[in-house]
Amino acid sequence: MKQFLTGLILLLFGASVACAAEAAKDEAPAVPAPAASAPAVPASAVSAPAASSPDMAPGTEYVVGVDDIMDISVLQPEKLLVTVSVAPDGSISFPYVGSVRVNGLTLTGIQKEIQDRLSDGYMKYPVVSVSLREARSHKFFVYGEVMRPGTFQLEGSTTVLRAISMAGGFTKFGSTHVKVLRPRSNKPGYETIKVNIKAVMDGNSDDDLVLQTGDIVVVSQGVF
């Protein structure tokens, strides 16, 4: 009888130990799986800062020409800042790549051209930024009966009346007979546009023509 009780006690003790072990296993916190690391973004995917431009019409981008001055920066993999002026042949000189023709390109186009050339054996994943320092290529001309005839920089929306003012105004022989000679885009020569400058000075701004690059304002001599 004594042996039977001893065996029963041992059996119950073993069962309780097994149950406690199983419960501890169920309550153990799960170890989270390591998070997958995000793929590295290549340097070439980093966009360069937007290039600045002078006052232009909405939706347009400045087109670079001869005499314009630009700041061109390489942001990575190495820092480099160069200020360049567009030569008469329409090109600039840039370290590593040499001569680059930029006449007629936008700032974004120049940025891509230099970036592509640097990528071709000179730098790995270059990032280039181009900004306009001085707009000198967009010019117009005022001739005839004005105080200071000559060449002027085209800034923003320059009108005929403003152009005459920039040229010092009319001489004492000047008249209100004003015309604009505009270069033709598809053939040599000029398109002649007559401007009613008297109406403009009387307050009718609709007659005040906005000038374009290469325009020639001609103020005729008055007939006395």
C-alpha atoms as a PDB file:
ATOM      1  CA  MET A   1       0.000   0.000   0.000  1.00  0.00           C
ATOM      2  CA  LYS A   2       2.799   2.405   0.891  1.00  0.00           C
ATOM      3  CA  GLN A   3       4.613   1.645  -2.407  1.00  0.00           C
ATOM      4  CA  PHE A   4       1.394   2.247  -4.360  1.00  0.00           C
ATOM      5  CA  LEU A   5       0.926   5.723  -2.805  1.00  0.00           C
ATOM      6  CA  THR A   6       4.557   6.631  -3.455  1.00  0.00           C
ATOM      7  CA  GLY A   7       4.261   5.702  -7.135  1.00  0.00           C
ATOM      8  CA  LEU A   8       1.011   7.655  -7.503  1.00  0.00           C
ATOM      9  CA  ILE A   9       2.612  10.786  -6.020  1.00  0.00           C
ATOM     10  CA  LEU A  10       5.616  10.535  -8.401  1.00  0.00           C
ATOM     11  CA  LEU A  11       3.259  10.078 -11.363  1.00  0.00           C
ATOM     12  CA  LEU A  12       1.207  13.175 -10.466  1.00  0.00           C
ATOM     13  CA  PHE A  13       4.384  15.241  -9.877  1.00  0.00           C
ATOM     14  CA  GLY A  14       5.801  14.270 -13.306  1.00  0.00           C
ATOM     15  CA  ALA A  15       2.527  15.188 -15.053  1.00  0.00           C
ATOM     16  CA  SER A  16       2.437  18.645 -13.362  1.00  0.00           C
ATOM     17  CA  VAL A  17       6.048  19.367 -14.395  1.00  0.00           C
ATOM     18  CA  ALA A  18       5.259  18.458 -18.032  1.00  0.00           C
ATOM     19  CA  CYS A  19       2.198  20.742 -18.073  1.00  0.00           C
ATOM     20  CA  ALA A  20       4.179  23.660 -16.637  1.00  0.00           C
ATOM     21  CA  ALA A  21       6.881  23.263 -19.280  1.00  0.00           C
ATOM     22  CA  GLU A  22       4.303  23.228 -22.083  1.00  0.00           C
ATOM     23  CA  ALA A  23       2.609  26.382 -20.724  1.00  0.00           C
ATOM     24  CA  ALA A  24       5.924  28.212 -20.505  1.00  0.00           C
ATOM     25  CA  LYS A  25       6.633  27.327 -24.127  1.00  0.00           C
ATOM     26  CA  ASP A  26       3.274  28.763 -25.254  1.00  0.00           C
ATOM     27  CA  GLU A  27       3.783  32.007 -23.338  1.00  0.00           C
ATOM     28  CA  ALA A  28       7.327  32.692 -24.667  1.00  0.00           C
ATOM     29  CA  PRO A  29       7.340  35.887 -26.834  1.00  0.00           C
ATOM     30  CA  ALA A  30       7.910  35.383 -30.541  1.00  0.00           C
ATOM     31  CA  VAL A  31      11.209  36.736 -31.828  1.00  0.00           C
ATOM     32  CA  PRO A  32      10.485  39.127 -34.715  1.00  0.00           C
ATOM     33  CA  ALA A  33      12.134  38.370 -38.038  1.00  0.00           C
ATOM     34  CA  PRO A  34      14.817  40.859 -39.047  1.00  0.00           C
ATOM     35  CA  ALA A  35      13.458  43.647 -41.266  1.00  0.00           C
ATOM     36  CA  ALA A  36      14.642  43.641 -44.841  1.00  0.00           C
ATOM     37  CA  SER A  37      16.983  46.536 -45.552  1.00  0.00           C
ATOM     38  CA  ALA A  38      15.837  49.100 -48.089  1.00  0.00           C
ATOM     39  CA  PRO A  39      17.793  49.076 -51.350  1.00  0.00           C
ATOM     40  CA  ALA A  40      20.289  51.883 -51.680  1.00  0.00           C
ATOM     41  CA  VAL A  41      19.285  54.679 -54.047  1.00  0.00           C
ATOM     42  CA  PRO A  42      22.007  55.208 -56.659  1.00  0.00           C
ATOM     43  CA  ALA A  43      23.499  58.670 -56.788  1.00  0.00           C
ATOM     44  CA  SER A  44      22.360  59.102 -60.386  1.00  0.00           C
ATOM     45  CA  ALA A  45      18.734  59.025 -59.213  1.00  0.00           C
ATOM     46  CA  VAL A  46      19.186  62.187 -57.151  1.00  0.00           C
ATOM     47  CA  SER A  47      17.836  65.077 -59.149  1.00  0.00           C
ATOM     48  CA  ALA A  48      19.926  68.205 -59.468  1.00  0.00           C
ATOM     49  CA  PRO A  49      18.547  71.516 -58.213  1.00  0.00           C
ATOM     50  CA  ALA A  50      16.388  73.365 -60.661  1.00  0.00           C
ATOM     51  CA  ALA A  51      18.241  75.860 -62.683  1.00  0.00           C
ATOM     52  CA  SER A  52      17.281  79.477 -62.215  1.00  0.00           C
ATOM     53  CA  SER A  53      16.173  81.640 -65.120  1.00  0.00           C
ATOM     54  CA  PRO A  54      15.213  85.279 -65.705  1.00  0.00           C
ATOM     55  CA  ASP A  55      11.646  86.518 -66.025  1.00  0.00           C
ATOM     56  CA  MET A  56      10.131  84.310 -68.738  1.00  0.00           C
ATOM     57  CA  ALA A  57       6.593  83.583 -69.880  1.00  0.00           C
ATOM     58  CA  PRO A  58       4.871  80.752 -67.984  1.00  0.00           C
ATOM     59  CA  GLY A  59       5.658  77.325 -69.391  1.00  0.00           C
ATOM     60  CA  THR A  60       8.838  78.409 -71.147  1.00  0.00           C
ATOM     61  CA  GLU A  61      12.485  77.940 -70.247  1.00  0.00           C
ATOM     62  CA  TYR A  62      15.346  80.278 -70.950  1.00  0.00           C
ATOM     63  CA  VAL A  63      17.328  79.477 -74.098  1.00  0.00           C
ATOM     64  CA  VAL A  64      21.051  80.166 -73.756  1.00  0.00           C
ATOM     65  CA  GLY A  65      22.920  82.223 -76.326  1.00  0.00           C
ATOM     66  CA  VAL A  66      26.248  83.918 -77.008  1.00  0.00           C
ATOM     67  CA  ASP A  67      27.588  86.108 -74.147  1.00  0.00           C
ATOM     68  CA  ASP A  68      25.352  84.544 -71.477  1.00  0.00           C
ATOM     69  CA  ILE A  69      27.113  83.794 -68.178  1.00  0.00           C
ATOM     70  CA  MET A  70      26.304  80.630 -66.208  1.00  0.00           C
ATOM     71  CA  ASP A  71      27.308  78.960 -62.958  1.00  0.00           C
ATOM     72  CA  ILE A  72      27.792  75.209 -63.415  1.00  0.00           C
ATOM     73  CA  SER A  73      28.223  73.045 -60.315  1.00  0.00           C
ATOM     74  CA  VAL A  74      29.115  69.387 -59.894  1.00  0.00           C
ATOM     75  CA  LEU A  75      27.482  68.342 -56.613  1.00  0.00           C
ATOM     76  CA  GLN A  76      28.800  64.775 -56.504  1.00  0.00           C
ATOM     77  CA  PRO A  77      30.895  62.659 -56.470  1.00  0.00           C
ATOM     78  CA  GLU A  78      33.253  65.620 -56.059  1.00  0.00           C
ATOM     79  CA  LYS A  79      32.495  69.312 -55.539  1.00  0.00           C
ATOM     80  CA  LEU A  80      33.213  71.616 -58.461  1.00  0.00           C
ATOM     81  CA  LEU A  81      31.935  75.112 -59.351  1.00  0.00           C
ATOM     82  CA  VAL A  82      32.774  76.850 -62.615  1.00  0.00           C
ATOM     83  CA  THR A  83      31.515  80.183 -63.969  1.00  0.00           C
ATOM     84  CA  VAL A  84      31.489  80.189 -67.768  1.00  0.00           C
ATOM     85  CA  SER A  85      30.634  82.622 -70.555  1.00  0.00           C
ATOM     86  CA  VAL A  86      29.261  81.458 -73.900  1.00  0.00           C
ATOM     87  CA  ALA A  87      31.866  82.173 -76.571  1.00  0.00           C
ATOM     88  CA  PRO A  88      31.038  83.690 -79.999  1.00  0.00           C
ATOM     89  CA  ASP A  89      31.015  80.185 -81.507  1.00  0.00           C
ATOM     90  CA  GLY A  90      28.275  79.177 -79.056  1.00  0.00           C
ATOM     91  CA  SER A  91      30.406  76.923 -76.857  1.00  0.00           C
ATOM     92  CA  ILE A  92      31.784  76.820 -73.323  1.00  0.00           C
ATOM     93  CA  SER A  93      34.802  75.056 -71.853  1.00  0.00           C
ATOM     94  CA  PHE A  94      34.268  72.736 -68.887  1.00  0.00           C
ATOM     95  CA  PRO A  95      36.804  70.680 -66.880  1.00  0.00           C
ATOM     96  CA  TYR A  96      37.280  67.036 -67.924  1.00  0.00           C
ATOM     97  CA  VAL A  97      35.005  67.226 -70.998  1.00  0.00           C
ATOM     98  CA  GLY A  98      36.489  70.232 -72.796  1.00  0.00           C
ATOM     99  CA  SER A  99      34.382  72.210 -75.286  1.00  0.00           C
ATOM    100  CA  VAL A 100      30.584  71.911 -75.063  1.00  0.00           C
ATOM    101  CA  ARG A 101      28.262  73.586 -77.560  1.00  0.00           C
ATOM    102  CA  VAL A 102      25.402  75.208 -75.622  1.00  0.00           C
ATOM    103  CA  ASN A 103      24.016  77.888 -77.953  1.00  0.00           C
ATOM    104  CA  GLY A 104      20.297  77.266 -78.425  1.00  0.00           C
ATOM    105  CA  LEU A 105      20.002  74.835 -75.494  1.00  0.00           C
ATOM    106  CA  THR A 106      17.938  75.346 -72.368  1.00  0.00           C
ATOM    107  CA  LEU A 107      19.553  75.252 -68.933  1.00  0.00           C
ATOM    108  CA  THR A 108      18.111  71.776 -68.408  1.00  0.00           C
ATOM    109  CA  GLY A 109      19.569  70.638 -71.740  1.00  0.00           C
ATOM    110  CA  ILE A 110      23.023  71.928 -70.773  1.00  0.00           C
ATOM    111  CA  GLN A 111      22.765  70.187 -67.402  1.00  0.00           C
ATOM    112  CA  LYS A 112      21.987  66.857 -69.080  1.00  0.00           C
ATOM    113  CA  GLU A 113      24.714  67.272 -71.722  1.00  0.00           C
ATOM    114  CA  ILE A 114      27.466  67.913 -69.166  1.00  0.00           C
ATOM    115  CA  GLN A 115      26.169  65.206 -66.839  1.00  0.00           C
ATOM    116  CA  ASP A 116      26.180  62.645 -69.674  1.00  0.00           C
ATOM    117  CA  ARG A 117      29.699  63.591 -70.737  1.00  0.00           C
ATOM    118  CA  LEU A 118      31.060  63.364 -67.205  1.00  0.00           C
ATOM    119  CA  SER A 119      29.444  59.932 -66.857  1.00  0.00           C
ATOM    120  CA  ASP A 120      31.337  58.757 -69.936  1.00  0.00           C
ATOM    121  CA  GLY A 121      34.532  57.702 -68.173  1.00  0.00           C
ATOM    122  CA  TYR A 122      35.212  60.702 -65.920  1.00  0.00           C
ATOM    123  CA  MET A 123      32.883  60.409 -62.927  1.00  0.00           C
ATOM    124  CA  LYS A 124      30.521  57.831 -61.457  1.00  0.00           C
ATOM    125  CA  TYR A 125      26.939  59.048 -60.998  1.00  0.00           C
ATOM    126  CA  PRO A 126      27.682  62.789 -61.413  1.00  0.00           C
ATOM    127  CA  VAL A 127      25.015  65.277 -60.358  1.00  0.00           C
ATOM    128  CA  VAL A 128      25.197  68.643 -62.143  1.00  0.00           C
ATOM    129  CA  SER A 129      23.381  71.929 -61.512  1.00  0.00           C
ATOM    130  CA  VAL A 130      23.240  74.828 -63.986  1.00  0.00           C
ATOM    131  CA  SER A 131      22.050  78.348 -63.178  1.00  0.00           C
ATOM    132  CA  LEU A 132      22.005  81.557 -65.184  1.00  0.00           C
ATOM    133  CA  ARG A 133      24.134  84.311 -63.671  1.00  0.00           C
ATOM    134  CA  GLU A 134      23.674  86.988 -66.358  1.00  0.00           C
ATOM    135  CA  ALA A 135      21.451  87.013 -69.443  1.00  0.00           C
ATOM    136  CA  ARG A 136      23.453  88.832 -72.095  1.00  0.00           C
ATOM    137  CA  SER A 137      22.448  87.092 -75.312  1.00  0.00           C
ATOM    138  CA  HIS A 138      18.888  88.390 -75.599  1.00  0.00           C
ATOM    139  CA  LYS A 139      19.340  91.847 -77.121  1.00  0.00           C
ATOM    140  CA  PHE A 140      17.422  94.427 -79.099  1.00  0.00           C
ATOM    141  CA  PHE A 141      18.456  97.572 -80.932  1.00  0.00           C
ATOM    142  CA  VAL A 142      17.150 101.131 -81.040  1.00  0.00           C
ATOM    143  CA  TYR A 143      18.146 103.413 -83.923  1.00  0.00           C
ATOM    144  CA  GLY A 144      17.047 106.716 -85.378  1.00  0.00           C
ATOM    145  CA  GLU A 145      15.970 109.827 -83.549  1.00  0.00           C
ATOM    146  CA  VAL A 146      16.677 108.828 -79.951  1.00  0.00           C
ATOM    147  CA  MET A 147      19.207 110.263 -77.535  1.00  0.00           C
ATOM    148  CA  ARG A 148      21.294 107.117 -77.062  1.00  0.00           C
ATOM    149  CA  PRO A 149      20.886 104.708 -79.995  1.00  0.00           C
ATOM    150  CA  GLY A 150      22.526 101.320 -79.637  1.00  0.00           C
ATOM    151  CA  THR A 151      22.217  97.785 -78.291  1.00  0.00           C
ATOM    152  CA  PHE A 152      20.276  96.933 -75.131  1.00  0.00           C
ATOM    153  CA  GLN A 153      19.639  93.829 -73.034  1.00  0.00           C
ATOM    154  CA  LEU A 154      16.156  92.343 -73.364  1.00  0.00           C
ATOM    155  CA  GLU A 155      14.818  91.973 -69.843  1.00  0.00           C
ATOM    156  CA  GLY A 156      11.415  90.419 -69.258  1.00  0.00           C
ATOM    157  CA  SER A 157       8.540  91.995 -71.195  1.00  0.00           C
ATOM    158  CA  THR A 158      10.272  95.019 -72.725  1.00  0.00           C
ATOM    159  CA  THR A 159       7.879  97.076 -74.852  1.00  0.00           C
ATOM    160  CA  VAL A 160       8.590  99.628 -77.594  1.00  0.00           C
ATOM    161  CA  LEU A 161       7.863 102.583 -75.319  1.00  0.00           C
ATOM    162  CA  ARG A 162      10.178 101.214 -72.647  1.00  0.00           C
ATOM    163  CA  ALA A 163      12.860 100.597 -75.283  1.00  0.00           C
ATOM    164  CA  ILE A 164      12.687 104.221 -76.410  1.00  0.00           C
ATOM    165  CA  SER A 165      12.911 105.316 -72.791  1.00  0.00           C
ATOM    166  CA  MET A 166      15.984 103.113 -72.273  1.00  0.00           C
ATOM    167  CA  ALA A 167      17.527 104.851 -75.288  1.00  0.00           C
ATOM    168  CA  GLY A 168      17.042 108.243 -73.631  1.00  0.00           C
ATOM    169  CA  GLY A 169      13.792 109.234 -75.338  1.00  0.00           C
ATOM    170  CA  PHE A 170      13.216 111.159 -78.554  1.00  0.00           C
ATOM    171  CA  THR A 171      15.564 113.775 -79.879  1.00  0.00           C
ATOM    172  CA  LYS A 172      14.103 117.159 -80.813  1.00  0.00           C
ATOM    173  CA  PHE A 173      13.819 115.838 -84.351  1.00  0.00           C
ATOM    174  CA  GLY A 174      12.093 112.628 -83.344  1.00  0.00           C
ATOM    175  CA  SER A 175       8.555 111.814 -84.410  1.00  0.00           C
ATOM    176  CA  THR A 176       5.838 109.385 -83.448  1.00  0.00           C
ATOM    177  CA  HIS A 177       6.550 107.388 -86.601  1.00  0.00           C
ATOM    178  CA  VAL A 178       8.006 104.244 -85.036  1.00  0.00           C
ATOM    179  CA  LYS A 179       8.443 100.794 -86.510  1.00  0.00           C
ATOM    180  CA  VAL A 180       9.951  97.508 -85.402  1.00  0.00           C
ATOM    181  CA  LEU A 181      12.048  95.367 -87.739  1.00  0.00           C
ATOM    182  CA  ARG A 182      11.685  91.764 -86.583  1.00  0.00           C
ATOM    183  CA  PRO A 183      14.013  89.041 -87.970  1.00  0.00           C
ATOM    184  CA  ARG A 184      12.143  86.422 -89.983  1.00  0.00           C
ATOM    185  CA  SER A 185      12.437  82.916 -88.572  1.00  0.00           C
ATOM    186  CA  ASN A 186      12.182  81.006 -91.853  1.00  0.00           C
ATOM    187  CA  LYS A 187      14.103  83.229 -94.304  1.00  0.00           C
ATOM    188  CA  PRO A 188      16.503  86.185 -94.387  1.00  0.00           C
ATOM    189  CA  GLY A 189      15.207  89.689 -93.877  1.00  0.00           C
ATOM    190  CA  TYR A 190      12.839  91.446 -91.509  1.00  0.00           C
ATOM    191  CA  GLU A 191       9.141  91.761 -90.912  1.00  0.00           C
ATOM    192  CA  THR A 192       8.105  95.427 -90.572  1.00  0.00           C
ATOM    193  CA  ILE A 193       5.675  96.190 -87.728  1.00  0.00           C
ATOM    194  CA  LYS A 194       4.335  99.726 -87.411  1.00  0.00           C
ATOM    195  CA  VAL A 195       3.706 100.935 -83.858  1.00  0.00           C
ATOM    196  CA  ASN A 196       1.233 103.686 -83.038  1.00  0.00           C
ATOM    197  CA  ILE A 197       3.435 105.177 -80.370  1.00  0.00           C
ATOM    198  CA  LYS A 198       1.173 108.269 -80.047  1.00  0.00           C
ATOM    199  CA  ALA A 199      -1.707 106.016 -79.001  1.00  0.00           C
ATOM    200  CA  VAL A 200       0.594 104.247 -76.532  1.00  0.00           C
ATOM    201  CA  MET A 201       1.645 107.546 -74.966  1.00  0.00           C
ATOM    202  CA  ASP A 202      -2.029 108.493 -74.766  1.00  0.00           C
ATOM    203  CA  GLY A 203      -2.606 105.443 -72.577  1.00  0.00           C
ATOM    204  CA  ASN A 204      -3.532 102.690 -75.039  1.00  0.00           C
ATOM    205  CA  SER A 205      -1.181  99.926 -73.893  1.00  0.00           C
ATOM    206  CA  ASP A 206      -2.624  97.460 -76.413  1.00  0.00           C
ATOM    207  CA  ASP A 207      -0.566  99.150 -79.136  1.00  0.00           C
ATOM    208  CA  ASP A 208       2.675  98.844 -77.154  1.00  0.00           C
ATOM    209  CA  LEU A 209       4.415  95.890 -78.816  1.00  0.00           C
ATOM    210  CA  VAL A 210       6.470  93.489 -76.659  1.00  0.00           C
ATOM    211  CA  LEU A 211       9.934  93.088 -78.163  1.00  0.00           C
ATOM    212  CA  GLN A 212      11.667  89.844 -79.037  1.00  0.00           C
ATOM    213  CA  THR A 213      15.334  88.961 -79.317  1.00  0.00           C
ATOM    214  CA  GLY A 214      16.924  90.666 -82.315  1.00  0.00           C
ATOM    215  CA  ASP A 215      14.193  93.284 -82.805  1.00  0.00           C
ATOM    216  CA  ILE A 216      15.235  96.690 -84.168  1.00  0.00           C
ATOM    217  CA  VAL A 217      13.228  99.733 -83.076  1.00  0.00           C
ATOM    218  CA  VAL A 218      13.470 102.555 -85.605  1.00  0.00           C
ATOM    219  CA  VAL A 219      12.359 106.082 -84.728  1.00  0.00           C
ATOM    220  CA  SER A 220      11.951 108.231 -87.831  1.00  0.00           C
ATOM    221  CA  GLN A 221      12.731 111.918 -88.130  1.00  0.00           C
ATOM    222  CA  GLY A 222       9.749 114.227 -87.967  1.00  0.00           C
ATOM    223  CA  VAL A 223       8.694 116.327 -90.936  1.00  0.00           C
ATOM    224  CA  PHE A 224       8.632 120.033 -90.123  1.00  0.00           C
END
